[in-house]
Each structure stands twice: as C-alpha cells, then as structure tokens.
C-alpha atoms as a PDB file:
ATOM      1  CA  MET A   1       7.136 -16.127  -2.948  1.00  0.00           C
ATOM      2  CA  SER A   2       4.150 -14.457  -4.586  1.00  0.00           C
ATOM      3  CA  GLU A   3       4.128 -10.667  -4.374  1.00  0.00           C
ATOM      4  CA  LEU A   4       2.074  -8.978  -1.680  1.00  0.00           C
ATOM      5  CA  ALA A   5      -1.127  -7.371  -3.004  1.00  0.00           C
ATOM      6  CA  LYS A   6      -1.133  -3.671  -2.089  1.00  0.00           C
ATOM      7  CA  ALA A   7      -4.293  -1.737  -1.306  1.00  0.00           C
ATOM      8  CA  LYS A   8      -5.135   1.207  -3.561  1.00  0.00           C
ATOM      9  CA  LEU A   9      -7.389   4.253  -3.648  1.00  0.00           C
ATOM     10  CA  ILE A  10      -8.695   4.802  -7.183  1.00  0.00           C
ATOM     11  CA  GLU A  11     -10.705   7.793  -8.401  1.00  0.00           C
ATOM     12  CA  LEU A  12     -14.086   7.032  -9.994  1.00  0.00           C
ATOM     13  CA  THR A  13     -16.119   8.892 -12.596  1.00  0.00           C
ATOM     14  CA  ASP A  14     -18.800  11.327 -11.399  1.00  0.00           C
ATOM     15  CA  ASP A  15     -21.518   8.677 -11.802  1.00  0.00           C
ATOM     16  CA  PHE A  16     -19.544   6.173  -9.655  1.00  0.00           C
ATOM     17  CA  LYS A  17     -19.932   3.530 -12.387  1.00  0.00           C
ATOM     18  CA  SER A  18     -16.344   3.173 -13.589  1.00  0.00           C
ATOM     19  CA  VAL A  19     -12.727   4.145 -12.960  1.00  0.00           C
ATOM     20  CA  ASN A  20     -11.740   7.664 -14.026  1.00  0.00           C
ATOM     21  CA  LYS A  21      -8.840   6.931 -16.380  1.00  0.00           C
ATOM     22  CA  LYS A  22      -7.558  10.504 -15.967  1.00  0.00           C
ATOM     23  CA  GLY A  23      -8.033  10.533 -12.196  1.00  0.00           C
ATOM     24  CA  GLN A  24      -5.777   9.826  -9.249  1.00  0.00           C
ATOM     25  CA  GLU A  25      -4.622   6.376  -8.151  1.00  0.00           C
ATOM     26  CA  VAL A  26      -2.759   6.000  -4.852  1.00  0.00           C
ATOM     27  CA  GLU A  27      -1.058   2.799  -3.718  1.00  0.00           C
ATOM     28  CA  VAL A  28      -0.824   2.640   0.068  1.00  0.00           C
ATOM     29  CA  GLN A  29       2.604   2.448   1.673  1.00  0.00           C
ATOM     30  CA  PHE A  30       1.485  -0.178   4.224  1.00  0.00           C
ATOM     31  CA  ASN A  31      -1.622  -2.339   3.973  1.00  0.00           C
ATOM     32  CA  PRO A  32      -4.185  -1.752   6.754  1.00  0.00           C
ATOM     33  CA  GLU A  33      -4.289  -4.265   9.599  1.00  0.00           C
ATOM     34  CA  SER A  34      -8.063  -4.650   9.363  1.00  0.00           C
ATOM     35  CA  LEU A  35     -11.202  -3.369   7.622  1.00  0.00           C
ATOM     36  CA  LYS A  36     -14.411  -2.523   9.495  1.00  0.00           C
ATOM     37  CA  LEU A  37     -17.736  -2.708   7.640  1.00  0.00           C
ATOM     38  CA  SER A  38     -20.940  -1.254   9.111  1.00  0.00           C
ATOM     39  CA  TYR A  39     -24.403  -1.821   7.634  1.00  0.00           C
ATOM     40  CA  ALA A  40     -27.465   0.316   8.398  1.00  0.00           C
ATOM     41  CA  ASN A  41     -31.033   0.887   7.243  1.00  0.00           C
ATOM     42  CA  GLU A  42     -32.973   4.122   7.726  1.00  0.00           C
ATOM     43  CA  ILE A  43     -35.894   3.294  10.010  1.00  0.00           C
ATOM     44  CA  LYS A  44     -38.535   5.735  11.245  1.00  0.00           C
ATOM     45  CA  GLN A  45     -41.233   5.498  13.914  1.00  0.00           C
ATOM     46  CA  PRO A  46     -44.427   7.027  12.397  1.00  0.00           C
ATOM     47  CA  ASP A  47     -45.892  10.023  14.237  1.00  0.00           C
ATOM     48  CA  GLY A  48     -48.654   9.164  16.651  1.00  0.00           C
ATOM     49  CA  LYS A  49     -47.469   5.605  17.239  1.00  0.00           C
ATOM     50  CA  ASP A  50     -46.900   4.367  20.738  1.00  0.00           C
ATOM     51  CA  ASN A  51     -43.165   3.720  21.029  1.00  0.00           C
ATOM     52  CA  ALA A  52     -43.867   1.180  23.745  1.00  0.00           C
ATOM     53  CA  SER A  53     -45.860  -0.978  21.323  1.00  0.00           C
ATOM     54  CA  GLY A  54     -42.703  -2.484  19.846  1.00  0.00           C
ATOM     55  CA  THR A  55     -41.427  -2.464  16.297  1.00  0.00           C
ATOM     56  CA  GLY A  56     -44.739  -3.139  14.545  1.00  0.00           C
ATOM     57  CA  GLY A  57     -45.146   0.470  13.472  1.00  0.00           C
ATOM     58  CA  ARG A  58     -41.586   1.075  12.366  1.00  0.00           C
ATOM     59  CA  GLN A  59     -41.085   1.744   8.673  1.00  0.00           C
ATOM     60  CA  PHE A  60     -38.165   1.524   6.281  1.00  0.00           C
ATOM     61  CA  VAL A  61     -37.935   5.055   4.842  1.00  0.00           C
ATOM     62  CA  GLY A  62     -34.675   5.137   2.904  1.00  0.00           C
ATOM     63  CA  MET A  63     -31.936   3.208   1.194  1.00  0.00           C
ATOM     64  CA  GLY A  64     -29.530   1.153   3.239  1.00  0.00           C
ATOM     65  CA  THR A  65     -25.946   2.288   3.621  1.00  0.00           C
ATOM     66  CA  THR A  66     -22.626   0.544   4.069  1.00  0.00           C
ATOM     67  CA  LYS A  67     -19.685   2.228   5.775  1.00  0.00           C
ATOM     68  CA  LEU A  68     -16.038   1.205   5.600  1.00  0.00           C
ATOM     69  CA  SER A  69     -13.444   2.275   8.172  1.00  0.00           C
ATOM     70  CA  LEU A  70      -9.716   1.637   8.004  1.00  0.00           C
ATOM     71  CA  GLN A  71      -6.374   3.045   9.086  1.00  0.00           C
ATOM     72  CA  LEU A  72      -3.344   3.732   6.891  1.00  0.00           C
ATOM     73  CA  TRP A  73       0.233   4.393   7.980  1.00  0.00           C
ATOM     74  CA  PHE A  74       2.873   6.511   6.262  1.00  0.00           C
ATOM     75  CA  ASP A  75       6.565   6.691   7.160  1.00  0.00           C
ATOM     76  CA  VAL A  76       9.175   8.575   5.113  1.00  0.00           C
ATOM     77  CA  THR A  77      12.014   6.760   6.934  1.00  0.00           C
ATOM     78  CA  ALA A  78      10.891   3.449   5.382  1.00  0.00           C
ATOM     79  CA  PRO A  79      12.154   2.412   1.908  1.00  0.00           C
ATOM     80  CA  GLN A  80      10.255   4.200  -0.860  1.00  0.00           C
ATOM     81  CA  LYS A  81      10.180   4.196  -4.654  1.00  0.00           C
ATOM     82  CA  ASN A  82      10.248   8.012  -4.679  1.00  0.00           C
ATOM     83  CA  PRO A  83      11.723   9.237  -1.357  1.00  0.00           C
ATOM     84  CA  VAL A  84      10.364  12.407   0.252  1.00  0.00           C
ATOM     85  CA  ASP A  85      11.429  14.263   3.410  1.00  0.00           C
ATOM     86  CA  ASP A  86       7.981  15.288   4.703  1.00  0.00           C
ATOM     87  CA  VAL A  87       5.210  12.754   5.350  1.00  0.00           C
ATOM     88  CA  ARG A  88       2.576  15.298   4.336  1.00  0.00           C
ATOM     89  CA  ARG A  89       3.734  14.887   0.745  1.00  0.00           C
ATOM     90  CA  LEU A  90       2.358  11.342   1.010  1.00  0.00           C
ATOM     91  CA  THR A  91      -0.785  11.978   3.038  1.00  0.00           C
ATOM     92  CA  GLN A  92      -1.945  14.874   0.832  1.00  0.00           C
ATOM     93  CA  ARG A  93      -2.504  12.350  -1.959  1.00  0.00           C
ATOM     94  CA  VAL A  94      -5.144  10.709   0.249  1.00  0.00           C
ATOM     95  CA  VAL A  95      -6.649  14.041   1.348  1.00  0.00           C
ATOM     96  CA  TYR A  96      -7.211  14.709  -2.389  1.00  0.00           C
ATOM     97  CA  PHE A  97     -10.138  12.274  -2.284  1.00  0.00           C
ATOM     98  CA  MET A  98     -11.767  14.399   0.440  1.00  0.00           C
ATOM     99  CA  THR A  99     -11.446  17.705  -1.426  1.00  0.00           C
ATOM    100  CA  PRO A 100     -14.576  19.000  -3.240  1.00  0.00           C
ATOM    101  CA  ARG A 101     -14.126  19.824  -6.914  1.00  0.00           C
ATOM    102  CA  GLN A 102     -16.328  20.905  -9.809  1.00  0.00           C
ATOM    103  CA  THR A 103     -18.422  18.081 -11.281  1.00  0.00           C
ATOM    104  CA  ALA A 104     -20.449  17.635 -14.463  1.00  0.00           C
ATOM    105  CA  SER A 105     -23.548  18.801 -12.567  1.00  0.00           C
ATOM    106  CA  LYS A 106     -21.616  21.997 -11.673  1.00  0.00           C
ATOM    107  CA  LYS A 107     -22.059  21.285  -7.970  1.00  0.00           C
ATOM    108  CA  PRO A 108     -18.780  20.956  -6.024  1.00  0.00           C
ATOM    109  CA  ALA A 109     -18.371  17.499  -4.507  1.00  0.00           C
ATOM    110  CA  PRO A 110     -15.528  15.166  -3.482  1.00  0.00           C
ATOM    111  CA  PRO A 111     -14.645  12.566  -6.123  1.00  0.00           C
ATOM    112  CA  GLY A 112     -15.916   9.016  -5.867  1.00  0.00           C
ATOM    113  CA  VAL A 113     -13.252   6.568  -4.748  1.00  0.00           C
ATOM    114  CA  ARG A 114     -12.696   2.827  -4.950  1.00  0.00           C
ATOM    115  CA  PHE A 115     -10.783   1.120  -2.157  1.00  0.00           C
ATOM    116  CA  SER A 116      -9.286  -1.959  -3.782  1.00  0.00           C
ATOM    117  CA  TRP A 117      -7.303  -4.656  -1.981  1.00  0.00           C
ATOM    118  CA  GLY A 118      -6.970  -8.016  -3.665  1.00  0.00           C
ATOM    119  CA  THR A 119     -10.485  -9.423  -4.152  1.00  0.00           C
ATOM    120  CA  PHE A 120     -12.073  -6.749  -1.925  1.00  0.00           C
ATOM    121  CA  GLU A 121     -13.491  -3.619  -3.548  1.00  0.00           C
ATOM    122  CA  PHE A 122     -15.565  -0.825  -2.052  1.00  0.00           C
ATOM    123  CA  ASP A 123     -16.930   2.049  -4.144  1.00  0.00           C
ATOM    124  CA  GLY A 124     -18.083   5.119  -2.263  1.00  0.00           C
ATOM    125  CA  MET A 125     -17.246   8.585  -1.022  1.00  0.00           C
ATOM    126  CA  ILE A 126     -14.977   9.607   1.846  1.00  0.00           C
ATOM    127  CA  ASP A 127     -17.040  10.968   4.749  1.00  0.00           C
ATOM    128  CA  GLY A 128     -14.105  11.952   6.914  1.00  0.00           C
ATOM    129  CA  ILE A 129     -10.349  11.780   7.414  1.00  0.00           C
ATOM    130  CA  GLU A 130      -8.450  11.972  10.693  1.00  0.00           C
ATOM    131  CA  GLU A 131      -4.689  12.451  10.359  1.00  0.00           C
ATOM    132  CA  THR A 132      -2.256  12.026  13.250  1.00  0.00           C
ATOM    133  CA  ILE A 133       1.390  13.079  12.948  1.00  0.00           C
ATOM    134  CA  GLU A 134       3.549  11.113  15.366  1.00  0.00           C
ATOM    135  CA  PHE A 135       7.232  11.681  14.660  1.00  0.00           C
ATOM    136  CA  PHE A 136       9.333  14.716  13.704  1.00  0.00           C
ATOM    137  CA  SER A 137      12.883  15.202  12.422  1.00  0.00           C
ATOM    138  CA  PRO A 138      15.361  17.425  14.312  1.00  0.00           C
ATOM    139  CA  GLU A 139      14.482  20.130  11.765  1.00  0.00           C
ATOM    140  CA  GLY A 140      10.804  19.881  12.665  1.00  0.00           C
ATOM    141  CA  LYS A 141       9.629  18.025   9.552  1.00  0.00           C
ATOM    142  CA  PRO A 142       6.872  15.435  10.151  1.00  0.00           C
ATOM    143  CA  LEU A 143       8.150  11.969   9.229  1.00  0.00           C
ATOM    144  CA  ARG A 144       5.411   9.553  10.293  1.00  0.00           C
ATOM    145  CA  ALA A 145       1.613   9.786  10.209  1.00  0.00           C
ATOM    146  CA  SER A 146      -1.519   7.687  10.409  1.00  0.00           C
ATOM    147  CA  ILE A 147      -4.782   8.368   8.598  1.00  0.00           C
ATOM    148  CA  THR A 148      -8.186   7.018   9.621  1.00  0.00           C
ATOM    149  CA  LEU A 149     -10.531   6.836   6.613  1.00  0.00           C
ATOM    150  CA  ASN A 150     -14.312   6.602   6.736  1.00  0.00           C
ATOM    151  CA  LEU A 151     -16.092   5.817   3.467  1.00  0.00           C
ATOM    152  CA  SER A 152     -19.753   5.184   2.689  1.00  0.00           C
ATOM    153  CA  GLN A 153     -21.932   3.985  -0.166  1.00  0.00           C
ATOM    154  CA  GLN A 154     -25.712   4.239  -0.574  1.00  0.00           C
ATOM    155  CA  ASN A 155     -26.247   0.492  -0.775  1.00  0.00           C
ATOM    156  CA  ILE A 156     -26.007  -2.554   1.410  1.00  0.00           C
ATOM    157  CA  LEU A 157     -22.813  -4.172   0.146  1.00  0.00           C
ATOM    158  CA  LYS A 158     -23.513  -7.653  -1.198  1.00  0.00           C
ATOM    159  CA  GLN A 159     -20.835 -10.296  -1.552  1.00  0.00           C
ATOM    160  CA  GLU A 160     -21.014 -13.465  -3.615  1.00  0.00           C
ATOM    161  CA  PHE A 161     -18.694 -16.413  -3.075  1.00  0.00           C
ATOM    162  CA  LYS A 162     -18.110 -18.792  -5.962  1.00  0.00           C
ATOM    163  CA  GLU A 163     -17.492 -22.471  -5.261  1.00  0.00           C
ATOM    164  CA  ASN A 164     -16.852 -22.886  -1.531  1.00  0.00           C
ATOM    165  CA  GLY A 165     -14.404 -20.008  -1.049  1.00  0.00           C
ATOM    166  CA  ILE A 166     -12.788 -21.941   1.803  1.00  0.00           C
ATOM    167  CA  GLY A 167      -9.083 -22.478   2.453  1.00  0.00           C
ATOM    168  CA  GLN A 168      -6.023 -21.255   0.642  1.00  0.00           C
ATOM    169  CA  LYS A 169      -5.731 -21.347  -3.127  1.00  0.00           C
ATOM    170  CA  PRO A 170      -3.214 -23.925  -4.384  1.00  0.00           C
ATOM    171  CA  LEU A 171      -0.030 -22.245  -5.568  1.00  0.00           C
ATOM    172  CA  THR A 172       2.581 -23.657  -7.959  1.00  0.00           C
ATOM    173  CA  SER A 173       6.261 -23.160  -7.198  1.00  0.00           C
ATOM    174  CA  ALA A 174       8.519 -22.278 -10.147  1.00  0.00           C
ATOM    175  CA  LYS A 175      11.685 -24.311 -10.636  1.00  0.00           C
ATOM    176  CA  SER A 176      15.011 -23.168 -12.047  1.00  0.00           C
ATOM    177  CA  GLY A 177      14.646 -22.560 -15.797  1.00  0.00           C
ATOM    178  CA  ASP A 178      10.846 -22.541 -15.743  1.00  0.00           C
ATOM    179  CA  SER A 179       8.857 -20.020 -17.739  1.00  0.00           C
ATOM    180  CA  LEU A 180       5.219 -19.188 -17.109  1.00  0.00           C
ATOM    181  CA  GLN A 181       4.326 -20.479 -20.577  1.00  0.00           C
ATOM    182  CA  SER A 182       5.894 -23.901 -19.898  1.00  0.00           C
ATOM    183  CA  ILE A 183       4.208 -24.246 -16.489  1.00  0.00           C
ATOM    184  CA  ALA A 184       0.813 -23.268 -17.889  1.00  0.00           C
ATOM    185  CA  ALA A 185       1.220 -25.602 -20.877  1.00  0.00           C
ATOM    186  CA  LYS A 186       1.888 -28.605 -18.625  1.00  0.00           C
ATOM    187  CA  LEU A 187      -1.474 -28.035 -16.962  1.00  0.00           C
ATOM    188  CA  GLY A 188      -3.308 -27.340 -20.211  1.00  0.00           C
ATOM    189  CA  LYS A 189      -3.771 -23.626 -19.591  1.00  0.00           C
ATOM    190  CA  GLY A 190      -3.228 -21.545 -22.705  1.00  0.00           C
ATOM    191  CA  ASN A 191      -4.034 -18.084 -21.347  1.00  0.00           C
ATOM    192  CA  TRP A 192      -0.677 -17.496 -19.636  1.00  0.00           C
ATOM    193  CA  GLN A 193      -0.901 -13.760 -20.408  1.00  0.00           C
ATOM    194  CA  SER A 194      -3.907 -13.276 -18.101  1.00  0.00           C
ATOM    195  CA  ILE A 195      -2.239 -15.461 -15.459  1.00  0.00           C
ATOM    196  CA  ALA A 196       0.880 -13.267 -15.649  1.00  0.00           C
ATOM    197  CA  ALA A 197      -1.206 -10.103 -15.259  1.00  0.00           C
ATOM    198  CA  ALA A 198      -3.164 -11.491 -12.298  1.00  0.00           C
ATOM    199  CA  ASN A 199       0.059 -12.570 -10.529  1.00  0.00           C
ATOM    200  CA  GLN A 200       1.839  -9.306 -11.410  1.00  0.00           C
ATOM    201  CA  ILE A 201       4.633 -11.158 -13.233  1.00  0.00           C
ATOM    202  CA  GLU A 202       6.623  -8.688 -15.321  1.00  0.00           C
ATOM    203  CA  ASP A 203       8.866 -11.228 -17.104  1.00  0.00           C
ATOM    204  CA  PRO A 204       7.017 -14.529 -17.776  1.00  0.00           C
ATOM    205  CA  LEU A 205      10.119 -15.971 -19.505  1.00  0.00           C
ATOM    206  CA  ARG A 206      12.358 -15.640 -16.462  1.00  0.00           C
ATOM    207  CA  LEU A 207      10.770 -16.784 -13.216  1.00  0.00           C
ATOM    208  CA  SER A 208      12.713 -16.731  -9.982  1.00  0.00           C
ATOM    209  CA  PRO A 209      13.143 -20.265  -8.554  1.00  0.00           C
ATOM    210  CA  GLY A 210      10.593 -20.773  -5.790  1.00  0.00           C
ATOM    211  CA  ARG A 211       8.238 -18.058  -7.080  1.00  0.00           C
ATOM    212  CA  LEU A 212       4.685 -19.040  -6.077  1.00  0.00           C
ATOM    213  CA  ILE A 213       2.080 -18.713  -8.822  1.00  0.00           C
ATOM    214  CA  ASP A 214      -1.709 -18.912  -8.699  1.00  0.00           C
ATOM    215  CA  LEU A 215      -2.465 -20.633 -12.017  1.00  0.00           C
ATOM    216  CA  ASN A 216      -6.212 -20.175 -11.497  1.00  0.00           C
ATOM    217  CA  ALA A 217      -5.894 -16.406 -11.356  1.00  0.00           C
ATOM    218  CA  GLY A 218      -7.247 -14.819 -14.484  1.00  0.00           C
ATOM    219  CA  VAL A 219      -9.274 -17.973 -15.133  1.00  0.00           C
ATOM    220  CA  ASN A 220     -11.455 -18.470 -12.064  1.00  0.00           C
ATOM    221  CA  GLN A 221     -11.785 -16.091  -9.122  1.00  0.00           C
ATOM    222  CA  ASN A 222     -12.964 -17.650  -5.868  1.00  0.00           C
ATOM    223  CA  ILE A 223     -14.405 -14.452  -4.438  1.00  0.00           C
ATOM    224  CA  GLU A 224     -16.308 -11.732  -6.221  1.00  0.00           C
ATOM    225  CA  VAL A 225     -17.794  -8.568  -4.726  1.00  0.00           C
ATOM    226  CA  ILE A 226     -20.997  -7.338  -6.391  1.00  0.00           C
ATOM    227  CA  PHE A 227     -22.403  -3.835  -5.898  1.00  0.00           C
ATOM    228  CA  PRO A 228     -26.157  -3.349  -6.294  1.00  0.00           C
ATOM    229  CA  LYS A 229     -27.146  -0.930  -9.047  1.00  0.00           C
END
C-alpha cells in the first residue's frame, strides 16, 4: 500500500514567502482527525448611521483573514523513531512555533509556520496553543498529551482545483520484480525520479509487491492551494 502522508509544521522566513531552510520542521506523530477553516472580513458600521437601517452603511475596513484550527495527539507509549520518556519532549517542538524570537526588523515575534498535509498547505502564524496532559507514568512523568492549534493568515485562503478534482486518483499496483523505471516506461513516463519523490519511494529498483503508486504524482497535481500575495 502507498505510504500515509504525514502532516508537518515547517518554519517560514520572516517575510512568510518561503521555507526557512535553517528553521525547524516537525512531523506530527498522528495526523489530525479534521481541519477547521474560518473566514472573516473586517466590517465596520460608520458613526452616525442608524443600525436599524440594515447593512447599506456597513463598510469593509480591513483585509480578510483565514483561521485554521486543528488538534494533534502525542503519546510516548506508541512506537517512535526516537523514543522519549516524557511527552513534553515532543510537544515542546510545537510550542517552539509560538515562542517570540528576534527578527530581521529587530522586533520579537513568533516565526511564521506552514501547516502541510498532502495537497493542503496553510501559511500563517500561531495565535494560540492549548495543551492537555492526560496520562502519567507511576513515576509522575506525562506520557500522553493533546495540543489544540489555532493559526491565522491575513488573507482569504483561495483554493484552485485543476481538472474536476473528483474521486480517487488511479493507483498502479507493483508486481513481483517490478521497478519504478519499468512501470513508468510501460506507460510512456520518463520522469520516474519525480514520481519516486512524490510517492516517497526510497528504492525505485526494488518495489514491494502490491505497493500502490500514483504515476501522475510529480507530473500533474489534481489539487493546488494558492495564497494571495
């Protein structure tokens, strides 16, 4: 089966225009169950207007905003690449994105962050974090925690869907002895390197029988998120 895409928190540069190559990148332990997006415009009722007269006098006075809310879970008793004995060692990597630091403008501010999960990306700043510790070891060490994240960006998030964006993408199942190069060649696709990267295939020469591959990945993306500049 194809590997599960894991959500990530990625630090951005101070201008929010690109990924900070020297910054933090955190892969979540468990993907969130859902994402909540909220859209809002700043509307003001001019002074002296009769509020009972309806919305005719209301004015748009500021940029729109988009807010993203989600919940992440952390559990040190679950299998981990680098085991730890205190869940706070995991959650502090998320709290990092809430901590003000010195910027190029010399004004302390939290770093910009990109929440990335498959084809979904949201660039913004963390407004707030709520951490709940739910389970302790006999020695009193916290083992399990949940974090509620609230992020915002000063734009109305726009999404563009290429083609129809409906239904599941067709996947190709690898057979015994198949390599990614041979599968791609049969379908006339020569850019197997980009297909391997998009499917997170570490060894294109040795595919596990039954491995599902999206041969359109790296060539055509069905969904693309665009952020207004």
